[in-house]
Amino acid sequence: MIQFTVYGEPVAQGRPRATMIDGHIRMYDPKKSRDFKKYVKLVASEHRPEKLLEGPIFLEVKVYKPILKSFSKKKKAAAEAGQLRPTTKPDVDNYVKGVKDALKNVIWKDDSQVVDLHISKWYSETPRVEITIAPLEEQQQALSI
């Protein structure tokens, strides 16, 4: 099992941008998304397995968004305790897209290997993304113990 934390404000995958170069349309990631992917890749490379994971993979991504400044003390306490969860945009799947892209060729060969995916959004005074990766059979064994 591989576990690591990417500290800092989580960034959701932005919509691809397009530009025209020599009469050809070129698609690219917005700068914020591109920078976040590079950061995730850097952190993940410290936990890189000797050999890229093969076969089906379990992936858990916990997104901790910053607590809003407008929250009252009571609301802040509820948010930190996990009783108040973010229901605002961006969607959880947009957070995981960037993470999966960043982990390709660092932890696994291809995103399509992820067959069991758990994503959740929380509030925290310490914004971050917690990532857990395991080969599916290893994860299933851990759950049956």
C-alpha atoms as a PDB file:
ATOM      1  CA  MET A   1       0.000   0.000   0.000  1.00  0.00           C
ATOM      2  CA  ILE A   2       1.232   3.483  -0.876  1.00  0.00           C
ATOM      3  CA  GLN A   3       0.048   6.478   1.152  1.00  0.00           C
ATOM      4  CA  PHE A   4       1.102  10.111   0.957  1.00  0.00           C
ATOM      5  CA  THR A   5      -0.210  13.621   1.507  1.00  0.00           C
ATOM      6  CA  VAL A   6       0.006  16.586  -0.856  1.00  0.00           C
ATOM      7  CA  TYR A   7      -0.080  19.725   1.308  1.00  0.00           C
ATOM      8  CA  GLY A   8      -1.537  22.987   0.058  1.00  0.00           C
ATOM      9  CA  GLU A   9      -4.890  24.013  -1.375  1.00  0.00           C
ATOM     10  CA  PRO A  10      -6.329  21.262  -3.601  1.00  0.00           C
ATOM     11  CA  VAL A  11      -6.830  22.207  -7.257  1.00  0.00           C
ATOM     12  CA  ALA A  12      -9.560  20.662  -9.390  1.00  0.00           C
ATOM     13  CA  GLN A  13      -8.790  19.792 -13.000  1.00  0.00           C
ATOM     14  CA  GLY A  14      -9.763  22.818 -15.077  1.00  0.00           C
ATOM     15  CA  ARG A  15     -11.416  22.714 -18.473  1.00  0.00           C
ATOM     16  CA  PRO A  16      -8.886  22.269 -21.287  1.00  0.00           C
ATOM     17  CA  ARG A  17      -7.980  25.473 -23.093  1.00  0.00           C
ATOM     18  CA  ALA A  18      -7.405  25.811 -26.834  1.00  0.00           C
ATOM     19  CA  THR A  19      -5.148  27.991 -28.917  1.00  0.00           C
ATOM     20  CA  MET A  20      -4.467  28.267 -32.631  1.00  0.00           C
ATOM     21  CA  ILE A  21      -0.843  27.750 -33.730  1.00  0.00           C
ATOM     22  CA  ASP A  22       0.020  27.750 -37.444  1.00  0.00           C
ATOM     23  CA  GLY A  23      -3.583  26.974 -38.343  1.00  0.00           C
ATOM     24  CA  HIS A  24      -3.759  23.988 -35.947  1.00  0.00           C
ATOM     25  CA  ILE A  25      -5.750  23.881 -32.742  1.00  0.00           C
ATOM     26  CA  ARG A  26      -3.654  22.954 -29.706  1.00  0.00           C
ATOM     27  CA  MET A  27      -5.313  21.906 -26.441  1.00  0.00           C
ATOM     28  CA  TYR A  28      -3.613  22.512 -23.092  1.00  0.00           C
ATOM     29  CA  ASP A  29      -4.268  22.458 -19.350  1.00  0.00           C
ATOM     30  CA  PRO A  30      -4.852  25.728 -17.498  1.00  0.00           C
ATOM     31  CA  LYS A  31      -1.693  26.835 -15.624  1.00  0.00           C
ATOM     32  CA  LYS A  32      -3.177  26.214 -12.164  1.00  0.00           C
ATOM     33  CA  SER A  33      -4.118  22.604 -13.053  1.00  0.00           C
ATOM     34  CA  ARG A  34      -0.755  21.977 -14.743  1.00  0.00           C
ATOM     35  CA  ASP A  35       1.184  23.293 -11.731  1.00  0.00           C
ATOM     36  CA  PHE A  36      -0.869  21.202  -9.291  1.00  0.00           C
ATOM     37  CA  LYS A  37      -0.259  18.035 -11.349  1.00  0.00           C
ATOM     38  CA  LYS A  38       3.486  18.719 -11.317  1.00  0.00           C
ATOM     39  CA  TYR A  39       3.384  19.144  -7.539  1.00  0.00           C
ATOM     40  CA  VAL A  40       1.414  15.895  -7.029  1.00  0.00           C
ATOM     41  CA  LYS A  41       3.848  14.088  -9.347  1.00  0.00           C
ATOM     42  CA  LEU A  42       6.803  15.421  -7.337  1.00  0.00           C
ATOM     43  CA  VAL A  43       5.331  14.268  -4.007  1.00  0.00           C
ATOM     44  CA  ALA A  44       4.291  10.898  -5.505  1.00  0.00           C
ATOM     45  CA  SER A  45       7.781  10.314  -6.925  1.00  0.00           C
ATOM     46  CA  GLU A  46       9.087  10.112  -3.339  1.00  0.00           C
ATOM     47  CA  HIS A  47       6.773   7.083  -2.882  1.00  0.00           C
ATOM     48  CA  ARG A  48       7.376   5.536  -6.300  1.00  0.00           C
ATOM     49  CA  PRO A  49       7.431   1.721  -6.275  1.00  0.00           C
ATOM     50  CA  GLU A  50      10.490  -0.042  -7.738  1.00  0.00           C
ATOM     51  CA  LYS A  51       8.274  -1.231 -10.578  1.00  0.00           C
ATOM     52  CA  LEU A  52       5.090   0.516 -11.782  1.00  0.00           C
ATOM     53  CA  LEU A  53       1.957  -1.120 -10.377  1.00  0.00           C
ATOM     54  CA  GLU A  54       0.223  -3.475 -12.785  1.00  0.00           C
ATOM     55  CA  GLY A  55      -3.268  -4.890 -12.740  1.00  0.00           C
ATOM     56  CA  PRO A  56      -6.369  -3.510 -11.028  1.00  0.00           C
ATOM     57  CA  ILE A  57      -5.816  -0.736  -8.465  1.00  0.00           C
ATOM     58  CA  PHE A  58      -7.727   0.688  -5.491  1.00  0.00           C
ATOM     59  CA  LEU A  59      -7.450   4.493  -5.115  1.00  0.00           C
ATOM     60  CA  GLU A  60      -8.711   6.632  -2.250  1.00  0.00           C
ATOM     61  CA  VAL A  61      -8.494  10.430  -2.457  1.00  0.00           C
ATOM     62  CA  LYS A  62      -9.478  12.635   0.479  1.00  0.00           C
ATOM     63  CA  VAL A  63      -9.659  16.317  -0.440  1.00  0.00           C
ATOM     64  CA  TYR A  64      -9.372  18.765   2.467  1.00  0.00           C
ATOM     65  CA  LYS A  65     -10.505  22.234   1.398  1.00  0.00           C
ATOM     66  CA  PRO A  66      -9.674  25.302   3.491  1.00  0.00           C
ATOM     67  CA  ILE A  67     -12.288  26.336   6.043  1.00  0.00           C
ATOM     68  CA  LEU A  68     -14.053  29.464   4.831  1.00  0.00           C
ATOM     69  CA  LYS A  69     -13.206  32.713   6.622  1.00  0.00           C
ATOM     70  CA  SER A  70     -16.912  33.554   6.761  1.00  0.00           C
ATOM     71  CA  PHE A  71     -17.626  30.533   9.024  1.00  0.00           C
ATOM     72  CA  SER A  72     -18.620  31.253  12.611  1.00  0.00           C
ATOM     73  CA  LYS A  73     -16.656  29.585  15.445  1.00  0.00           C
ATOM     74  CA  LYS A  74     -19.425  26.998  15.761  1.00  0.00           C
ATOM     75  CA  LYS A  75     -19.396  26.282  12.017  1.00  0.00           C
ATOM     76  CA  LYS A  76     -15.570  26.091  12.000  1.00  0.00           C
ATOM     77  CA  ALA A  77     -15.641  23.536  14.822  1.00  0.00           C
ATOM     78  CA  ALA A  78     -18.268  21.460  12.988  1.00  0.00           C
ATOM     79  CA  ALA A  79     -16.256  21.624   9.751  1.00  0.00           C
ATOM     80  CA  GLU A  80     -13.021  20.565  11.466  1.00  0.00           C
ATOM     81  CA  ALA A  81     -14.857  17.675  13.188  1.00  0.00           C
ATOM     82  CA  GLY A  82     -16.156  16.447   9.818  1.00  0.00           C
ATOM     83  CA  GLN A  83     -19.787  17.206  10.704  1.00  0.00           C
ATOM     84  CA  LEU A  84     -20.005  19.933   8.042  1.00  0.00           C
ATOM     85  CA  ARG A  85     -18.841  18.891   4.585  1.00  0.00           C
ATOM     86  CA  PRO A  86     -18.254  21.005   1.438  1.00  0.00           C
ATOM     87  CA  THR A  87     -21.156  20.791  -1.007  1.00  0.00           C
ATOM     88  CA  THR A  88     -19.878  23.582  -3.231  1.00  0.00           C
ATOM     89  CA  LYS A  89     -18.133  23.317  -6.587  1.00  0.00           C
ATOM     90  CA  PRO A  90     -15.811  21.941  -7.807  1.00  0.00           C
ATOM     91  CA  ASP A  91     -17.105  18.374  -7.935  1.00  0.00           C
ATOM     92  CA  VAL A  92     -15.077  15.588  -6.326  1.00  0.00           C
ATOM     93  CA  ASP A  93     -14.416  13.898  -9.681  1.00  0.00           C
ATOM     94  CA  ASN A  94     -12.664  17.031 -10.976  1.00  0.00           C
ATOM     95  CA  TYR A  95     -10.186  16.821  -8.102  1.00  0.00           C
ATOM     96  CA  VAL A  96      -9.383  13.191  -8.808  1.00  0.00           C
ATOM     97  CA  LYS A  97      -8.795  13.724 -12.559  1.00  0.00           C
ATOM     98  CA  GLY A  98      -5.677  15.791 -11.911  1.00  0.00           C
ATOM     99  CA  VAL A  99      -4.415  13.345  -9.284  1.00  0.00           C
ATOM    100  CA  LYS A 100      -4.858  10.352 -11.616  1.00  0.00           C
ATOM    101  CA  ASP A 101      -3.095  12.178 -14.466  1.00  0.00           C
ATOM    102  CA  ALA A 102      -0.176  13.028 -12.158  1.00  0.00           C
ATOM    103  CA  LEU A 103       0.237   9.427 -10.955  1.00  0.00           C
ATOM    104  CA  LYS A 104       0.408   7.954 -14.459  1.00  0.00           C
ATOM    105  CA  ASN A 105       3.912   6.576 -15.153  1.00  0.00           C
ATOM    106  CA  VAL A 106       4.925   7.397 -11.565  1.00  0.00           C
ATOM    107  CA  ILE A 107       2.865   4.876  -9.568  1.00  0.00           C
ATOM    108  CA  TRP A 108       0.994   2.965 -12.301  1.00  0.00           C
ATOM    109  CA  LYS A 109       1.104   2.591 -16.069  1.00  0.00           C
ATOM    110  CA  ASP A 110      -2.379   3.876 -16.944  1.00  0.00           C
ATOM    111  CA  ASP A 111      -5.395   5.501 -15.260  1.00  0.00           C
ATOM    112  CA  SER A 112      -7.626   2.716 -16.578  1.00  0.00           C
ATOM    113  CA  GLN A 113      -6.056   0.390 -13.964  1.00  0.00           C
ATOM    114  CA  VAL A 114      -8.031   2.209 -11.247  1.00  0.00           C
ATOM    115  CA  VAL A 115     -11.111   0.001 -10.805  1.00  0.00           C
ATOM    116  CA  ASP A 116     -12.093   0.908  -7.231  1.00  0.00           C
ATOM    117  CA  LEU A 117     -12.178   4.634  -6.471  1.00  0.00           C
ATOM    118  CA  HIS A 118     -13.217   6.444  -3.277  1.00  0.00           C
ATOM    119  CA  ILE A 119     -13.257  10.253  -3.217  1.00  0.00           C
ATOM    120  CA  SER A 120     -14.376  12.523  -0.406  1.00  0.00           C
ATOM    121  CA  LYS A 121     -14.325  16.262   0.351  1.00  0.00           C
ATOM    122  CA  TRP A 122     -13.741  17.675   3.812  1.00  0.00           C
ATOM    123  CA  TYR A 123     -12.908  21.004   5.428  1.00  0.00           C
ATOM    124  CA  SER A 124      -9.681  21.527   7.349  1.00  0.00           C
ATOM    125  CA  GLU A 125      -7.453  24.286   8.718  1.00  0.00           C
ATOM    126  CA  THR A 126      -4.681  22.377   6.893  1.00  0.00           C
ATOM    127  CA  PRO A 127      -5.721  22.125   3.216  1.00  0.00           C
ATOM    128  CA  ARG A 128      -4.319  19.000   1.577  1.00  0.00           C
ATOM    129  CA  VAL A 129      -5.026  15.888  -0.488  1.00  0.00           C
ATOM    130  CA  GLU A 130      -4.480  12.488   1.145  1.00  0.00           C
ATOM    131  CA  ILE A 131      -3.886   9.670  -1.330  1.00  0.00           C
ATOM    132  CA  THR A 132      -3.964   5.915  -0.711  1.00  0.00           C
ATOM    133  CA  ILE A 133      -3.120   3.441  -3.479  1.00  0.00           C
ATOM    134  CA  ALA A 134      -3.103  -0.347  -3.329  1.00  0.00           C
ATOM    135  CA  PRO A 135      -3.268  -3.262  -5.731  1.00  0.00           C
ATOM    136  CA  LEU A 136      -6.904  -4.403  -5.607  1.00  0.00           C
ATOM    137  CA  GLU A 137      -6.185  -7.863  -4.172  1.00  0.00           C
ATOM    138  CA  GLU A 138      -4.063  -6.311  -1.382  1.00  0.00           C
ATOM    139  CA  GLN A 139      -6.921  -3.933  -0.527  1.00  0.00           C
ATOM    140  CA  GLN A 140      -9.486  -6.747  -0.523  1.00  0.00           C
ATOM    141  CA  GLN A 141      -7.279  -8.819   1.817  1.00  0.00           C
ATOM    142  CA  ALA A 142      -6.940  -5.861   4.203  1.00  0.00           C
ATOM    143  CA  LEU A 143     -10.722  -5.442   4.307  1.00  0.00           C
ATOM    144  CA  SER A 144     -11.337  -9.136   5.052  1.00  0.00           C
ATOM    145  CA  ILE A 145      -9.027  -9.186   8.089  1.00  0.00           C
END
